[in-house]
């Protein structure tokens, strides 16, 4: 029983530390509803395979990929961001959700984590298991596409 309690404790600590970031990353990729489902699926998988997952170099990044793969298996249409209600959110560009949905998953994830959730390039790189240079390239391309789509550049 002591060993099970240790597993519960370590997994609980892991979820408290990494869960919010995992959810933000999956929400940035897939939107609120699908991101929530992907997070639940990833954490359930993490618990089922905790002995193996906790020994990994980047367990959060691995569970991010698990969440992505589980969402793909649903084959549900992904609507990343809801339409903007101009009365409720007058400061949000109405064309932003559509422009974000036209970005690749990786570009959208990078730009939302950096510009909406204030993650550093290093944090995004570690979480997505890519280089900082790749994060910068995805961000630059995404911002260029967003500027073009919104008539800013």
Protein backbone atom coordinates (compact mmCIF):
# COMPACT_ATOMS: atom_id res chain seq x y z
CA UNK A 1 0.00 0.00 0.00
CA UNK A 2 2.88 2.40 0.73
CA UNK A 3 4.16 2.03 -2.81
CA UNK A 4 0.71 2.82 -4.27
CA UNK A 5 0.49 5.92 -2.10
CA UNK A 6 3.87 7.07 -3.39
CA UNK A 7 2.67 6.65 -6.99
CA UNK A 8 -0.49 8.58 -6.19
CA UNK A 9 1.53 11.31 -4.51
CA UNK A 10 4.06 11.65 -7.32
CA UNK A 11 1.36 11.64 -9.99
CA UNK A 12 -0.67 14.20 -8.06
CA UNK A 13 2.40 16.42 -7.74
CA UNK A 14 3.09 16.00 -11.46
CA UNK A 15 -0.49 16.95 -12.39
CA UNK A 16 -0.42 19.98 -10.11
CA UNK A 17 2.85 21.15 -11.66
CA UNK A 18 2.38 20.20 -15.32
CA UNK A 19 -1.39 19.83 -15.76
CA UNK A 20 -2.19 23.52 -16.32
CA UNK A 21 0.55 23.86 -18.94
CA UNK A 22 -0.52 20.67 -20.66
CA UNK A 23 -4.08 21.94 -20.79
CA UNK A 24 -2.99 25.34 -22.14
CA UNK A 25 -0.87 23.73 -24.84
CA UNK A 26 -3.64 21.39 -25.98
CA UNK A 27 -6.19 24.19 -25.80
CA UNK A 28 -3.89 26.38 -27.88
CA UNK A 29 -3.72 23.62 -30.46
CA UNK A 30 -7.34 22.47 -30.53
CA UNK A 31 -9.52 25.03 -28.76
CA UNK A 32 -11.30 24.87 -25.44
CA UNK A 33 -13.54 21.82 -25.76
CA UNK A 34 -11.28 19.51 -27.73
CA UNK A 35 -8.27 20.72 -25.72
CA UNK A 36 -10.04 19.77 -22.49
CA UNK A 37 -10.83 16.31 -23.87
CA UNK A 38 -7.26 15.83 -25.08
CA UNK A 39 -5.92 16.85 -21.65
CA UNK A 40 -8.19 14.35 -19.91
CA UNK A 41 -7.14 11.58 -22.28
CA UNK A 42 -3.45 12.41 -21.86
CA UNK A 43 -3.61 12.50 -18.06
CA UNK A 44 -5.59 9.26 -17.93
CA UNK A 45 -2.92 7.64 -20.08
CA UNK A 46 -0.24 9.14 -17.85
CA UNK A 47 -1.82 7.59 -14.77
CA UNK A 48 -2.26 4.18 -16.41
CA UNK A 49 1.41 4.15 -17.46
CA UNK A 50 2.83 6.27 -14.65
CA UNK A 51 5.84 4.04 -13.90
CA UNK A 52 7.05 4.41 -17.48
CA UNK A 53 5.97 8.03 -18.01
CA UNK A 54 7.60 9.42 -14.87
CA UNK A 55 10.95 7.93 -15.88
CA UNK A 56 10.95 9.86 -19.17
CA UNK A 57 13.15 12.88 -19.76
CA UNK A 58 10.17 15.05 -20.81
CA UNK A 59 6.95 13.45 -19.48
CA UNK A 60 4.88 16.59 -20.12
CA UNK A 61 5.94 16.72 -23.76
CA UNK A 62 5.19 13.03 -24.14
CA UNK A 63 1.69 13.45 -22.69
CA UNK A 64 1.14 16.43 -25.01
CA UNK A 65 1.80 14.08 -27.94
CA UNK A 66 -0.50 11.45 -26.38
CA UNK A 67 -3.27 14.04 -26.13
CA UNK A 68 -2.77 15.03 -29.76
CA UNK A 69 -2.87 11.44 -30.95
CA UNK A 70 -6.03 10.69 -28.94
CA UNK A 71 -7.78 13.69 -30.47
CA UNK A 72 -6.84 12.59 -33.97
CA UNK A 73 -8.40 9.21 -33.28
CA UNK A 74 -11.74 10.92 -32.50
CA UNK A 75 -11.85 12.25 -36.06
CA UNK A 76 -14.08 15.03 -34.86
CA UNK A 77 -14.03 18.36 -36.68
CA UNK A 78 -11.75 20.68 -34.76
CA UNK A 79 -12.92 24.23 -34.19
CA UNK A 80 -10.01 25.88 -32.51
CA UNK A 81 -11.47 29.19 -31.43
CA UNK A 82 -15.05 30.46 -31.14
CA UNK A 83 -16.29 33.50 -33.01
CA UNK A 84 -15.66 36.81 -31.27
CA UNK A 85 -18.68 38.51 -29.69
CA UNK A 86 -17.78 42.17 -30.32
CA UNK A 87 -20.06 43.38 -27.52
CA UNK A 88 -18.49 41.03 -24.96
CA UNK A 89 -14.88 41.36 -26.18
CA UNK A 90 -14.55 44.68 -28.04
CA UNK A 91 -10.73 44.58 -27.77
CA UNK A 92 -10.40 41.32 -29.75
CA UNK A 93 -9.96 41.48 -33.52
CA UNK A 94 -13.07 39.72 -34.94
CA UNK A 95 -11.01 38.03 -37.68
CA UNK A 96 -8.52 36.51 -35.24
CA UNK A 97 -10.25 33.14 -34.64
CA UNK A 98 -10.51 32.42 -38.36
CA UNK A 99 -6.92 33.54 -38.93
CA UNK A 100 -5.68 31.34 -36.08
CA UNK A 101 -7.59 28.35 -37.44
CA UNK A 102 -5.74 28.67 -40.76
CA UNK A 103 -2.34 28.25 -39.09
CA UNK A 104 -0.75 24.84 -38.77
CA UNK A 105 -1.25 23.15 -35.41
CA UNK A 106 2.37 23.79 -34.46
CA UNK A 107 2.29 27.46 -35.51
CA UNK A 108 -0.98 28.08 -33.66
CA UNK A 109 0.30 26.34 -30.53
CA UNK A 110 3.55 28.30 -30.50
CA UNK A 111 1.98 31.71 -31.11
CA UNK A 112 -0.83 31.21 -28.57
CA UNK A 113 1.48 29.89 -25.85
CA UNK A 114 3.92 32.78 -26.34
CA UNK A 115 1.50 35.65 -26.97
CA UNK A 116 -1.56 34.61 -24.96
CA UNK A 117 -0.06 32.64 -22.07
CA UNK A 118 3.31 34.47 -21.88
CA UNK A 119 5.45 31.33 -22.16
CA UNK A 120 9.09 31.86 -23.05
CA UNK A 121 10.62 30.40 -26.20
CA UNK A 122 12.60 28.03 -23.99
CA UNK A 123 9.47 26.81 -22.18
CA UNK A 124 7.66 26.17 -25.47
CA UNK A 125 10.69 24.40 -26.92
CA UNK A 126 11.03 22.12 -23.92
CA UNK A 127 7.33 21.34 -23.75
CA UNK A 128 6.99 20.61 -27.47
CA UNK A 129 10.37 18.87 -27.57
CA UNK A 130 11.69 21.06 -30.38
CA UNK A 131 14.60 23.50 -30.57
CA UNK A 132 14.31 27.16 -29.62
CA UNK A 133 15.18 27.99 -33.22
CA UNK A 134 12.22 25.92 -34.42
CA UNK A 135 9.97 27.76 -31.96
CA UNK A 136 11.21 31.09 -33.33
CA UNK A 137 10.65 29.98 -36.93
CA UNK A 138 7.09 28.78 -36.17
CA UNK A 139 6.36 32.03 -34.34
CA UNK A 140 7.72 34.21 -37.18
CA UNK A 141 5.77 32.31 -39.84
CA UNK A 142 2.59 32.36 -37.75
CA UNK A 143 2.83 36.08 -37.06
CA UNK A 144 3.45 36.77 -40.74
CA UNK A 145 0.38 34.76 -41.72
CA UNK A 146 -1.72 36.45 -39.05
CA UNK A 147 -0.62 39.92 -40.16
CA UNK A 148 -1.44 39.09 -43.77
CA UNK A 149 -4.83 37.59 -42.86
CA UNK A 150 -5.75 40.58 -40.71
CA UNK A 151 -4.52 43.16 -43.21
CA UNK A 152 -1.63 44.30 -41.04
CA UNK A 153 1.25 43.51 -43.30
